[in-house]
Amino acid sequence: MSAFLKKHWFFVGMAVVSALAFVAPGLGMFAKEYNILSYAIFLTFLITGLSLDTRSILEQIRNIRVLTASLLSALVLIPILTALLATLFFGNNVDFIVGSIIIAVAPVTVASGTVMTAMALGNVPLSLFICVLCNFFSLLTIPLMLNGILGVMGDMLHLEEAVSLPVGNILLTLSSIVLLPTILGQIGRPWLKERIVPYKKAFSIFSQSVVLLIIFNAVSSSVGVVGTVGLGFIGLFGFMILLHSLILILNFAISKGIRLDMPSTAAFTIHTSQKTLTISYLVWAGFFSSSFPLAMVPGIAYHVVQMVMDVFVADWFRKRAKRQ
């Protein structure tokens, strides 16, 4: 039992915090009222800044094809594809449509994408490059893509409140909680990089714990209306499996189209297909939670799906690399 918990503690934690959110939703409201999650996310990106090896990342910057393709896929094509499919699939469930779009406009994950790339024997520096690039440019593209997509779909989905999003406020929020701590971490890295090595595993556990806290907060905020969804959760996970499969196929095709080698194909396919829950939460909590309380649920579902599916994708790449 202890071996199982040690290996799968994150998935067990998701079940525990989800159940706890129904039992004690007030705890989630407490965390939201005192901005506990904002501070935790700030620390997460500070740790990210301390951990990123900028030199190995900058070696990849000469590859203009990857630069352009990763930005186009992660921040433009995936949001558009998701918006079209979610509208067709969810019908009148506006919360799930909006929530799917929120997770789709988010940048790639910081940690898990690189871990999966390493499992796949992929190009880890390229994976880190995609991570930094997409997270930086997403500060600009998130408000623009949300305004653009929801503006086009506003009349159809009755999103009058969400169409005119405060682009400046979103940019300021993301910059102060995501960009600033990352820069501070990079500034402090030359003096601290050796000292933080023993705490690498603890930092990873902390980052995953923040994700669990996000799930707890999102579920507790949705307790009052989650019962109205019923069996819709089964359809939601089915949609996310389909969506992530299509995104993986899209990015694999793009990597082949720009003629990446196998390690770089693994990095591009896996990392460009993943989405971060932390930034999605910041956008939802700051600008959508009151109007669309269930809109964070699709992000949680996508996060679970990508964590499970990409283990098998990474294993497929790993076996293929060993054969070659």
C-alpha atoms as a PDB file:
ATOM      1  CA  MET A   1       0.000   0.000   0.000  1.00  0.00           C
ATOM      2  CA  SER A   2       2.786   2.417   0.934  1.00  0.00           C
ATOM      3  CA  ALA A   3       4.560   1.707  -2.372  1.00  0.00           C
ATOM      4  CA  PHE A   4       1.351   2.447  -4.279  1.00  0.00           C
ATOM      5  CA  LEU A   5       0.815   5.728  -2.418  1.00  0.00           C
ATOM      6  CA  LYS A   6       4.419   6.750  -2.962  1.00  0.00           C
ATOM      7  CA  LYS A   7       4.138   6.170  -6.693  1.00  0.00           C
ATOM      8  CA  HIS A   8       0.619   7.498  -7.259  1.00  0.00           C
ATOM      9  CA  TRP A   9       0.274  10.045  -4.440  1.00  0.00           C
ATOM     10  CA  PHE A  10      -0.680  12.851  -6.814  1.00  0.00           C
ATOM     11  CA  PHE A  11      -3.685  11.013  -8.258  1.00  0.00           C
ATOM     12  CA  VAL A  12      -4.738   9.882  -4.786  1.00  0.00           C
ATOM     13  CA  GLY A  13      -4.362  13.500  -3.680  1.00  0.00           C
ATOM     14  CA  MET A  14      -6.714  14.668  -6.423  1.00  0.00           C
ATOM     15  CA  ALA A  15      -9.404  12.315  -5.174  1.00  0.00           C
ATOM     16  CA  VAL A  16      -8.842  13.371  -1.551  1.00  0.00           C
ATOM     17  CA  VAL A  17      -8.944  17.141  -2.168  1.00  0.00           C
ATOM     18  CA  SER A  18     -12.013  16.784  -4.406  1.00  0.00           C
ATOM     19  CA  ALA A  19     -13.852  14.880  -1.667  1.00  0.00           C
ATOM     20  CA  LEU A  20     -12.682  17.341   0.983  1.00  0.00           C
ATOM     21  CA  ALA A  21     -13.953  20.242  -1.124  1.00  0.00           C
ATOM     22  CA  PHE A  22     -17.482  18.821  -0.921  1.00  0.00           C
ATOM     23  CA  VAL A  23     -17.220  18.222   2.816  1.00  0.00           C
ATOM     24  CA  ALA A  24     -15.625  21.556   3.743  1.00  0.00           C
ATOM     25  CA  PRO A  25     -16.083  24.062   0.883  1.00  0.00           C
ATOM     26  CA  GLY A  26     -15.494  26.901   3.339  1.00  0.00           C
ATOM     27  CA  LEU A  27     -11.780  26.079   3.396  1.00  0.00           C
ATOM     28  CA  GLY A  28     -11.589  26.829  -0.325  1.00  0.00           C
ATOM     29  CA  MET A  29     -13.333  30.129   0.198  1.00  0.00           C
ATOM     30  CA  PHE A  30     -10.846  30.960   2.960  1.00  0.00           C
ATOM     31  CA  ALA A  31      -7.915  30.274   0.615  1.00  0.00           C
ATOM     32  CA  LYS A  32      -9.487  32.450  -2.057  1.00  0.00           C
ATOM     33  CA  GLU A  33     -10.338  35.314   0.316  1.00  0.00           C
ATOM     34  CA  TYR A  34      -6.752  35.615   1.593  1.00  0.00           C
ATOM     35  CA  ASN A  35      -5.115  35.011  -1.826  1.00  0.00           C
ATOM     36  CA  ILE A  36      -3.241  31.989  -0.490  1.00  0.00           C
ATOM     37  CA  LEU A  37      -3.106  30.432  -3.953  1.00  0.00           C
ATOM     38  CA  SER A  38      -1.693  33.578  -5.548  1.00  0.00           C
ATOM     39  CA  TYR A  39       1.225  33.513  -3.102  1.00  0.00           C
ATOM     40  CA  ALA A  40       1.728  29.781  -3.675  1.00  0.00           C
ATOM     41  CA  ILE A  41       1.747  30.242  -7.460  1.00  0.00           C
ATOM     42  CA  PHE A  42       4.215  33.133  -7.072  1.00  0.00           C
ATOM     43  CA  LEU A  43       6.543  30.805  -5.139  1.00  0.00           C
ATOM     44  CA  THR A  44       6.096  28.097  -7.776  1.00  0.00           C
ATOM     45  CA  PHE A  45       7.338  30.362 -10.555  1.00  0.00           C
ATOM     46  CA  LEU A  46      10.126  31.715  -8.347  1.00  0.00           C
ATOM     47  CA  ILE A  47      11.321  28.118  -7.959  1.00  0.00           C
ATOM     48  CA  THR A  48      10.951  27.681 -11.728  1.00  0.00           C
ATOM     49  CA  GLY A  49      13.175  30.690 -12.324  1.00  0.00           C
ATOM     50  CA  LEU A  50      15.794  29.316  -9.929  1.00  0.00           C
ATOM     51  CA  SER A  51      15.718  25.900 -11.609  1.00  0.00           C
ATOM     52  CA  LEU A  52      15.860  26.844 -15.307  1.00  0.00           C
ATOM     53  CA  ASP A  53      19.267  26.497 -16.963  1.00  0.00           C
ATOM     54  CA  THR A  54      19.119  29.463 -19.336  1.00  0.00           C
ATOM     55  CA  ARG A  55      22.276  28.554 -21.271  1.00  0.00           C
ATOM     56  CA  SER A  56      20.986  25.185 -22.485  1.00  0.00           C
ATOM     57  CA  ILE A  57      17.689  26.824 -23.453  1.00  0.00           C
ATOM     58  CA  LEU A  58      19.303  29.652 -25.421  1.00  0.00           C
ATOM     59  CA  GLU A  59      21.181  27.116 -27.543  1.00  0.00           C
ATOM     60  CA  GLN A  60      17.814  26.226 -29.096  1.00  0.00           C
ATOM     61  CA  ILE A  61      16.844  29.782 -30.013  1.00  0.00           C
ATOM     62  CA  ARG A  62      18.487  29.563 -33.426  1.00  0.00           C
ATOM     63  CA  ASN A  63      15.867  27.031 -34.493  1.00  0.00           C
ATOM     64  CA  ILE A  64      13.328  29.475 -35.920  1.00  0.00           C
ATOM     65  CA  ARG A  65      11.111  26.655 -37.190  1.00  0.00           C
ATOM     66  CA  VAL A  66      10.504  25.315 -33.681  1.00  0.00           C
ATOM     67  CA  LEU A  67      10.091  28.820 -32.269  1.00  0.00           C
ATOM     68  CA  THR A  68       7.367  29.694 -34.750  1.00  0.00           C
ATOM     69  CA  ALA A  69       5.673  26.294 -34.743  1.00  0.00           C
ATOM     70  CA  SER A  70       5.466  25.974 -30.942  1.00  0.00           C
ATOM     71  CA  LEU A  71       3.982  29.451 -30.514  1.00  0.00           C
ATOM     72  CA  LEU A  72       1.525  28.990 -33.374  1.00  0.00           C
ATOM     73  CA  SER A  73       0.365  25.574 -32.181  1.00  0.00           C
ATOM     74  CA  ALA A  74       0.190  26.122 -28.411  1.00  0.00           C
ATOM     75  CA  LEU A  75      -1.192  29.666 -28.348  1.00  0.00           C
ATOM     76  CA  VAL A  76      -3.243  29.988 -31.560  1.00  0.00           C
ATOM     77  CA  LEU A  77      -4.190  26.689 -33.243  1.00  0.00           C
ATOM     78  CA  ILE A  78      -5.050  24.736 -30.078  1.00  0.00           C
ATOM     79  CA  PRO A  79      -7.362  27.472 -28.683  1.00  0.00           C
ATOM     80  CA  ILE A  80      -9.196  27.775 -32.015  1.00  0.00           C
ATOM     81  CA  LEU A  81      -9.529  23.987 -32.392  1.00  0.00           C
ATOM     82  CA  THR A  82     -10.746  23.669 -28.797  1.00  0.00           C
ATOM     83  CA  ALA A  83     -13.306  26.462 -29.162  1.00  0.00           C
ATOM     84  CA  LEU A  84     -14.800  24.876 -32.289  1.00  0.00           C
ATOM     85  CA  LEU A  85     -14.943  21.353 -30.855  1.00  0.00           C
ATOM     86  CA  ALA A  86     -16.233  22.445 -27.423  1.00  0.00           C
ATOM     87  CA  THR A  87     -19.047  24.444 -29.008  1.00  0.00           C
ATOM     88  CA  LEU A  88     -20.101  21.438 -31.060  1.00  0.00           C
ATOM     89  CA  PHE A  89     -19.737  18.951 -28.196  1.00  0.00           C
ATOM     90  CA  PHE A  90     -21.179  20.778 -25.169  1.00  0.00           C
ATOM     91  CA  GLY A  91     -24.136  22.516 -26.803  1.00  0.00           C
ATOM     92  CA  ASN A  92     -25.771  24.786 -24.205  1.00  0.00           C
ATOM     93  CA  ASN A  93     -23.294  24.091 -21.391  1.00  0.00           C
ATOM     94  CA  VAL A  94     -21.626  27.507 -21.523  1.00  0.00           C
ATOM     95  CA  ASP A  95     -19.465  26.903 -18.430  1.00  0.00           C
ATOM     96  CA  PHE A  96     -17.769  23.905 -20.027  1.00  0.00           C
ATOM     97  CA  ILE A  97     -17.285  25.747 -23.327  1.00  0.00           C
ATOM     98  CA  VAL A  98     -15.739  28.779 -21.631  1.00  0.00           C
ATOM     99  CA  GLY A  99     -13.655  26.548 -19.349  1.00  0.00           C
ATOM    100  CA  SER A 100     -12.324  24.561 -22.306  1.00  0.00           C
ATOM    101  CA  ILE A 101     -11.279  27.789 -23.995  1.00  0.00           C
ATOM    102  CA  ILE A 102      -9.576  29.065 -20.813  1.00  0.00           C
ATOM    103  CA  ILE A 103      -7.390  25.960 -20.502  1.00  0.00           C
ATOM    104  CA  ALA A 104      -6.697  25.996 -24.254  1.00  0.00           C
ATOM    105  CA  VAL A 105      -5.302  29.546 -24.291  1.00  0.00           C
ATOM    106  CA  ALA A 106      -2.985  28.740 -21.363  1.00  0.00           C
ATOM    107  CA  PRO A 107       0.705  28.107 -22.068  1.00  0.00           C
ATOM    108  CA  VAL A 108       2.444  24.758 -21.754  1.00  0.00           C
ATOM    109  CA  THR A 109       3.222  23.167 -18.395  1.00  0.00           C
ATOM    110  CA  VAL A 110       6.422  24.098 -16.606  1.00  0.00           C
ATOM    111  CA  ALA A 111       7.487  20.826 -15.015  1.00  0.00           C
ATOM    112  CA  SER A 112       5.536  17.804 -16.238  1.00  0.00           C
ATOM    113  CA  GLY A 113       6.189  18.410 -19.946  1.00  0.00           C
ATOM    114  CA  THR A 114       9.944  18.347 -19.370  1.00  0.00           C
ATOM    115  CA  VAL A 115       9.676  15.278 -17.133  1.00  0.00           C
ATOM    116  CA  MET A 116       7.657  13.448 -19.802  1.00  0.00           C
ATOM    117  CA  THR A 117      10.182  14.496 -22.461  1.00  0.00           C
ATOM    118  CA  ALA A 118      13.008  13.023 -20.379  1.00  0.00           C
ATOM    119  CA  MET A 119      10.998   9.804 -19.974  1.00  0.00           C
ATOM    120  CA  ALA A 120      10.636   9.711 -23.762  1.00  0.00           C
ATOM    121  CA  LEU A 121      14.427  10.115 -24.242  1.00  0.00           C
ATOM    122  CA  GLY A 122      13.586  13.380 -25.976  1.00  0.00           C
ATOM    123  CA  ASN A 123      15.382  16.695 -26.418  1.00  0.00           C
ATOM    124  CA  VAL A 124      15.103  18.173 -22.900  1.00  0.00           C
ATOM    125  CA  PRO A 125      16.749  21.561 -23.716  1.00  0.00           C
ATOM    126  CA  LEU A 126      14.228  21.979 -26.546  1.00  0.00           C
ATOM    127  CA  SER A 127      11.430  21.094 -24.142  1.00  0.00           C
ATOM    128  CA  LEU A 128      12.637  23.788 -21.734  1.00  0.00           C
ATOM    129  CA  PHE A 129      12.898  26.251 -24.613  1.00  0.00           C
ATOM    130  CA  ILE A 130       9.302  25.598 -25.648  1.00  0.00           C
ATOM    131  CA  CYS A 131       8.249  26.020 -22.016  1.00  0.00           C
ATOM    132  CA  VAL A 132       9.946  29.396 -21.510  1.00  0.00           C
ATOM    133  CA  LEU A 133       8.944  30.722 -24.926  1.00  0.00           C
ATOM    134  CA  CYS A 134       5.262  29.832 -24.672  1.00  0.00           C
ATOM    135  CA  ASN A 135       4.911  31.008 -21.075  1.00  0.00           C
ATOM    136  CA  PHE A 136       6.470  34.376 -21.936  1.00  0.00           C
ATOM    137  CA  PHE A 137       4.385  35.053 -25.044  1.00  0.00           C
ATOM    138  CA  SER A 138       1.190  33.751 -23.407  1.00  0.00           C
ATOM    139  CA  LEU A 139       1.131  36.868 -21.217  1.00  0.00           C
ATOM    140  CA  LEU A 140       0.223  38.748 -24.393  1.00  0.00           C
ATOM    141  CA  THR A 141      -1.771  36.107 -26.239  1.00  0.00           C
ATOM    142  CA  ILE A 142      -4.098  35.002 -23.403  1.00  0.00           C
ATOM    143  CA  PRO A 143      -6.110  38.255 -23.159  1.00  0.00           C
ATOM    144  CA  LEU A 144      -6.008  38.756 -26.933  1.00  0.00           C
ATOM    145  CA  MET A 145      -7.141  35.205 -27.772  1.00  0.00           C
ATOM    146  CA  LEU A 146      -9.844  35.217 -25.091  1.00  0.00           C
ATOM    147  CA  ASN A 147     -11.195  38.526 -26.325  1.00  0.00           C
ATOM    148  CA  GLY A 148     -11.028  37.380 -29.929  1.00  0.00           C
ATOM    149  CA  ILE A 149     -12.614  33.944 -29.491  1.00  0.00           C
ATOM    150  CA  LEU A 150     -15.266  34.977 -26.979  1.00  0.00           C
ATOM    151  CA  GLY A 151     -15.957  38.108 -28.995  1.00  0.00           C
ATOM    152  CA  VAL A 152     -16.749  36.021 -32.089  1.00  0.00           C
ATOM    153  CA  MET A 153     -18.768  33.505 -30.042  1.00  0.00           C
ATOM    154  CA  GLY A 154     -20.364  36.041 -27.696  1.00  0.00           C
ATOM    155  CA  ASP A 155     -23.767  36.352 -29.364  1.00  0.00           C
ATOM    156  CA  MET A 156     -24.098  32.603 -29.798  1.00  0.00           C
ATOM    157  CA  LEU A 157     -23.172  31.809 -26.179  1.00  0.00           C
ATOM    158  CA  HIS A 158     -24.647  34.903 -24.529  1.00  0.00           C
ATOM    159  CA  LEU A 159     -21.277  35.937 -23.107  1.00  0.00           C
ATOM    160  CA  GLU A 160     -21.924  39.665 -22.895  1.00  0.00           C
ATOM    161  CA  GLU A 161     -20.115  39.885 -19.525  1.00  0.00           C
ATOM    162  CA  ALA A 162     -17.010  38.079 -20.704  1.00  0.00           C
ATOM    163  CA  VAL A 163     -16.546  39.523 -24.194  1.00  0.00           C
ATOM    164  CA  SER A 164     -15.027  42.827 -23.084  1.00  0.00           C
ATOM    165  CA  LEU A 165     -12.284  41.421 -20.914  1.00  0.00           C
ATOM    166  CA  PRO A 166      -9.883  43.881 -19.240  1.00  0.00           C
ATOM    167  CA  VAL A 167      -6.797  43.053 -21.274  1.00  0.00           C
ATOM    168  CA  GLY A 168      -4.582  45.358 -19.212  1.00  0.00           C
ATOM    169  CA  ASN A 169      -5.692  43.830 -15.909  1.00  0.00           C
ATOM    170  CA  ILE A 170      -5.135  40.276 -17.157  1.00  0.00           C
ATOM    171  CA  LEU A 171      -1.681  41.227 -18.422  1.00  0.00           C
ATOM    172  CA  LEU A 172      -0.814  42.897 -15.099  1.00  0.00           C
ATOM    173  CA  THR A 173      -2.065  39.921 -13.057  1.00  0.00           C
ATOM    174  CA  LEU A 174      -0.110  37.363 -15.073  1.00  0.00           C
ATOM    175  CA  SER A 175       3.020  39.515 -15.177  1.00  0.00           C
ATOM    176  CA  SER A 176       3.088  40.085 -11.427  1.00  0.00           C
ATOM    177  CA  ILE A 177       2.414  36.472 -10.414  1.00  0.00           C
ATOM    178  CA  VAL A 178       4.126  34.578 -13.264  1.00  0.00           C
ATOM    179  CA  LEU A 179       6.722  36.708 -15.074  1.00  0.00           C
ATOM    180  CA  LEU A 180       8.113  38.685 -12.106  1.00  0.00           C
ATOM    181  CA  PRO A 181       8.985  35.679  -9.870  1.00  0.00           C
ATOM    182  CA  THR A 182      10.500  33.831 -12.855  1.00  0.00           C
ATOM    183  CA  ILE A 183      12.783  36.793 -13.563  1.00  0.00           C
ATOM    184  CA  LEU A 184      13.684  37.109  -9.868  1.00  0.00           C
ATOM    185  CA  GLY A 185      14.537  33.401  -9.797  1.00  0.00           C
ATOM    186  CA  GLN A 186      16.792  33.764 -12.836  1.00  0.00           C
ATOM    187  CA  ILE A 187      18.536  36.759 -11.246  1.00  0.00           C
ATOM    188  CA  GLY A 188      19.205  34.770  -8.065  1.00  0.00           C
ATOM    189  CA  ARG A 189      20.161  31.520  -9.846  1.00  0.00           C
ATOM    190  CA  PRO A 190      23.940  32.238 -10.204  1.00  0.00           C
ATOM    191  CA  TRP A 191      24.264  32.471  -6.408  1.00  0.00           C
ATOM    192  CA  LEU A 192      21.715  29.827  -5.394  1.00  0.00           C
ATOM    193  CA  LYS A 193      21.815  27.101  -8.090  1.00  0.00           C
ATOM    194  CA  GLU A 194      24.233  24.881  -6.138  1.00  0.00           C
ATOM    195  CA  ARG A 195      22.402  25.311  -2.839  1.00  0.00           C
ATOM    196  CA  ILE A 196      18.973  24.325  -4.224  1.00  0.00           C
ATOM    197  CA  VAL A 197      20.142  21.035  -5.789  1.00  0.00           C
ATOM    198  CA  PRO A 198      19.355  18.941  -2.645  1.00  0.00           C
ATOM    199  CA  TYR A 199      15.820  20.375  -2.629  1.00  0.00           C
ATOM    200  CA  LYS A 200      14.930  19.501  -6.234  1.00  0.00           C
ATOM    201  CA  LYS A 201      12.532  16.722  -5.237  1.00  0.00           C
ATOM    202  CA  ALA A 202      10.924  18.899  -2.543  1.00  0.00           C
ATOM    203  CA  PHE A 203      10.385  21.658  -5.109  1.00  0.00           C
ATOM    204  CA  SER A 204       8.645  19.196  -7.442  1.00  0.00           C
ATOM    205  CA  ILE A 205       6.353  18.014  -4.617  1.00  0.00           C
ATOM    206  CA  PHE A 206       5.560  21.623  -3.732  1.00  0.00           C
ATOM    207  CA  SER A 207       4.606  22.456  -7.334  1.00  0.00           C
ATOM    208  CA  GLN A 208       2.322  19.435  -7.548  1.00  0.00           C
ATOM    209  CA  SER A 209       0.808  20.325  -4.178  1.00  0.00           C
ATOM    210  CA  VAL A 210      -0.056  23.764  -5.541  1.00  0.00           C
ATOM    211  CA  VAL A 211      -1.934  22.037  -8.363  1.00  0.00           C
ATOM    212  CA  LEU A 212      -3.843  20.006  -5.745  1.00  0.00           C
ATOM    213  CA  LEU A 213      -4.688  23.251  -3.937  1.00  0.00           C
ATOM    214  CA  ILE A 214      -5.969  24.709  -7.208  1.00  0.00           C
ATOM    215  CA  ILE A 215      -8.193  21.665  -7.727  1.00  0.00           C
ATOM    216  CA  PHE A 216      -9.465  21.945  -4.154  1.00  0.00           C
ATOM    217  CA  ASN A 217     -10.265  25.630  -4.574  1.00  0.00           C
ATOM    218  CA  ALA A 218     -11.963  25.138  -7.933  1.00  0.00           C
ATOM    219  CA  VAL A 219     -14.135  22.257  -6.731  1.00  0.00           C
ATOM    220  CA  SER A 220     -15.087  24.028  -3.499  1.00  0.00           C
ATOM    221  CA  SER A 221     -16.111  27.100  -5.503  1.00  0.00           C
ATOM    222  CA  SER A 222     -18.339  24.930  -7.680  1.00  0.00           C
ATOM    223  CA  VAL A 223     -20.011  22.794  -4.987  1.00  0.00           C
ATOM    224  CA  GLY A 224     -23.282  24.697  -5.152  1.00  0.00           C
ATOM    225  CA  VAL A 225     -23.839  23.989  -8.849  1.00  0.00           C
ATOM    226  CA  VAL A 226     -21.788  20.868  -9.533  1.00  0.00           C
ATOM    227  CA  GLY A 227     -24.777  18.623  -8.844  1.00  0.00           C
ATOM    228  CA  THR A 228     -26.595  20.091 -11.828  1.00  0.00           C
ATOM    229  CA  VAL A 229     -24.028  18.574 -14.199  1.00  0.00           C
ATOM    230  CA  GLY A 230     -24.748  14.944 -13.277  1.00  0.00           C
ATOM    231  CA  LEU A 231     -23.439  12.471 -15.834  1.00  0.00           C
ATOM    232  CA  GLY A 232     -22.021  15.395 -17.799  1.00  0.00           C
ATOM    233  CA  PHE A 233     -18.678  14.703 -16.129  1.00  0.00           C
ATOM    234  CA  ILE A 234     -18.384  11.447 -18.065  1.00  0.00           C
ATOM    235  CA  GLY A 235     -18.898  13.328 -21.307  1.00  0.00           C
ATOM    236  CA  LEU A 236     -16.423  15.991 -20.180  1.00  0.00           C
ATOM    237  CA  PHE A 237     -13.617  13.470 -19.666  1.00  0.00           C
ATOM    238  CA  GLY A 238     -14.521  11.765 -22.939  1.00  0.00           C
ATOM    239  CA  PHE A 239     -14.231  15.100 -24.724  1.00  0.00           C
ATOM    240  CA  MET A 240     -10.871  15.862 -23.088  1.00  0.00           C
ATOM    241  CA  ILE A 241      -9.481  12.463 -24.135  1.00  0.00           C
ATOM    242  CA  LEU A 242     -10.587  13.155 -27.709  1.00  0.00           C
ATOM    243  CA  LEU A 243      -9.250  16.714 -27.610  1.00  0.00           C
ATOM    244  CA  HIS A 244      -5.839  15.765 -26.217  1.00  0.00           C
ATOM    245  CA  SER A 245      -5.537  12.926 -28.740  1.00  0.00           C
ATOM    246  CA  LEU A 246      -6.206  15.346 -31.614  1.00  0.00           C
ATOM    247  CA  ILE A 247      -3.732  17.870 -30.189  1.00  0.00           C
ATOM    248  CA  LEU A 248      -1.030  15.187 -29.903  1.00  0.00           C
ATOM    249  CA  ILE A 249      -1.664  14.132 -33.509  1.00  0.00           C
ATOM    250  CA  LEU A 250      -1.566  17.790 -34.635  1.00  0.00           C
ATOM    251  CA  ASN A 251       1.766  18.475 -32.930  1.00  0.00           C
ATOM    252  CA  PHE A 252       3.274  15.197 -34.121  1.00  0.00           C
ATOM    253  CA  ALA A 253       2.298  16.142 -37.682  1.00  0.00           C
ATOM    254  CA  ILE A 254       3.765  19.636 -37.274  1.00  0.00           C
ATOM    255  CA  SER A 255       7.038  18.213 -35.945  1.00  0.00           C
ATOM    256  CA  LYS A 256       7.272  15.934 -38.967  1.00  0.00           C
ATOM    257  CA  GLY A 257       6.354  18.817 -41.277  1.00  0.00           C
ATOM    258  CA  ILE A 258       9.259  20.934 -39.996  1.00  0.00           C
ATOM    259  CA  ARG A 259      11.550  17.864 -40.133  1.00  0.00           C
ATOM    260  CA  LEU A 260      12.588  17.511 -36.515  1.00  0.00           C
ATOM    261  CA  ASP A 261      14.682  14.532 -35.468  1.00  0.00           C
ATOM    262  CA  MET A 262      13.154  11.905 -33.191  1.00  0.00           C
ATOM    263  CA  PRO A 263      14.277  13.368 -29.820  1.00  0.00           C
ATOM    264  CA  SER A 264      13.045  16.817 -30.858  1.00  0.00           C
ATOM    265  CA  THR A 265       9.797  15.331 -32.200  1.00  0.00           C
ATOM    266  CA  ALA A 266       9.169  13.748 -28.794  1.00  0.00           C
ATOM    267  CA  ALA A 267       9.832  17.053 -27.025  1.00  0.00           C
ATOM    268  CA  PHE A 268       7.645  19.046 -29.409  1.00  0.00           C
ATOM    269  CA  THR A 269       4.768  16.563 -29.489  1.00  0.00           C
ATOM    270  CA  ILE A 270       4.558  16.077 -25.732  1.00  0.00           C
ATOM    271  CA  HIS A 271       5.342  19.520 -24.332  1.00  0.00           C
ATOM    272  CA  THR A 272       3.453  21.644 -26.878  1.00  0.00           C
ATOM    273  CA  SER A 273       0.355  19.527 -26.223  1.00  0.00           C
ATOM    274  CA  GLN A 274       0.310  20.108 -22.454  1.00  0.00           C
ATOM    275  CA  LYS A 275      -1.435  23.005 -20.684  1.00  0.00           C
ATOM    276  CA  THR A 276      -0.708  24.492 -17.280  1.00  0.00           C
ATOM    277  CA  LEU A 277      -3.446  24.570 -14.684  1.00  0.00           C
ATOM    278  CA  THR A 278      -1.853  27.329 -12.608  1.00  0.00           C
ATOM    279  CA  ILE A 279      -2.213  30.123 -15.163  1.00  0.00           C
ATOM    280  CA  SER A 280      -5.664  28.860 -16.155  1.00  0.00           C
ATOM    281  CA  TYR A 281      -6.682  29.211 -12.522  1.00  0.00           C
ATOM    282  CA  LEU A 282      -5.417  32.796 -12.325  1.00  0.00           C
ATOM    283  CA  VAL A 283      -7.500  33.757 -15.361  1.00  0.00           C
ATOM    284  CA  TRP A 284     -10.608  31.916 -14.148  1.00  0.00           C
ATOM    285  CA  ALA A 285     -10.428  33.132 -10.539  1.00  0.00           C
ATOM    286  CA  GLY A 286      -9.763  36.730 -11.534  1.00  0.00           C
ATOM    287  CA  PHE A 287     -12.206  37.204 -14.377  1.00  0.00           C
ATOM    288  CA  PHE A 288     -14.650  34.271 -14.787  1.00  0.00           C
ATOM    289  CA  SER A 289     -15.378  32.563 -11.441  1.00  0.00           C
ATOM    290  CA  SER A 290     -18.464  34.605 -10.534  1.00  0.00           C
ATOM    291  CA  SER A 291     -20.157  34.330 -13.942  1.00  0.00           C
ATOM    292  CA  PHE A 292     -19.023  30.787 -14.790  1.00  0.00           C
ATOM    293  CA  PRO A 293     -18.396  28.845 -11.535  1.00  0.00           C
ATOM    294  CA  LEU A 294     -17.939  25.509 -13.320  1.00  0.00           C
ATOM    295  CA  ALA A 295     -15.542  26.844 -15.949  1.00  0.00           C
ATOM    296  CA  MET A 296     -12.490  25.599 -14.044  1.00  0.00           C
ATOM    297  CA  VAL A 297     -13.681  21.981 -14.161  1.00  0.00           C
ATOM    298  CA  PRO A 298     -12.691  21.402 -17.839  1.00  0.00           C
ATOM    299  CA  GLY A 299      -9.168  22.575 -17.018  1.00  0.00           C
ATOM    300  CA  ILE A 300      -8.928  20.050 -14.195  1.00  0.00           C
ATOM    301  CA  ALA A 301     -10.231  17.316 -16.483  1.00  0.00           C
ATOM    302  CA  TYR A 302      -7.695  18.186 -19.195  1.00  0.00           C
ATOM    303  CA  HIS A 303      -4.893  18.220 -16.642  1.00  0.00           C
ATOM    304  CA  VAL A 304      -5.794  14.722 -15.424  1.00  0.00           C
ATOM    305  CA  VAL A 305      -6.125  13.418 -18.984  1.00  0.00           C
ATOM    306  CA  GLN A 306      -2.780  14.820 -20.142  1.00  0.00           C
ATOM    307  CA  MET A 307      -0.975  13.470 -17.070  1.00  0.00           C
ATOM    308  CA  VAL A 308      -2.279   9.939 -17.716  1.00  0.00           C
ATOM    309  CA  MET A 309      -2.145   9.852 -21.521  1.00  0.00           C
ATOM    310  CA  ASP A 310       1.293  11.398 -21.876  1.00  0.00           C
ATOM    311  CA  VAL A 311       2.880   8.703 -19.712  1.00  0.00           C
ATOM    312  CA  PHE A 312       1.904   6.229 -22.447  1.00  0.00           C
ATOM    313  CA  VAL A 313       2.951   8.648 -25.205  1.00  0.00           C
ATOM    314  CA  ALA A 314       6.357   9.098 -23.555  1.00  0.00           C
ATOM    315  CA  ASP A 315       6.733   5.321 -23.225  1.00  0.00           C
ATOM    316  CA  TRP A 316       5.928   4.932 -26.957  1.00  0.00           C
ATOM    317  CA  PHE A 317       8.621   7.454 -27.892  1.00  0.00           C
ATOM    318  CA  ARG A 318      11.064   5.801 -25.471  1.00  0.00           C
ATOM    319  CA  LYS A 319      10.592   2.335 -26.983  1.00  0.00           C
ATOM    320  CA  ARG A 320      10.899   3.768 -30.491  1.00  0.00           C
ATOM    321  CA  ALA A 321      14.132   5.586 -29.579  1.00  0.00           C
ATOM    322  CA  LYS A 322      15.619   2.406 -28.092  1.00  0.00           C
ATOM    323  CA  ARG A 323      14.775   0.444 -31.257  1.00  0.00           C
ATOM    324  CA  GLN A 324      16.539   3.048 -33.370  1.00  0.00           C
END
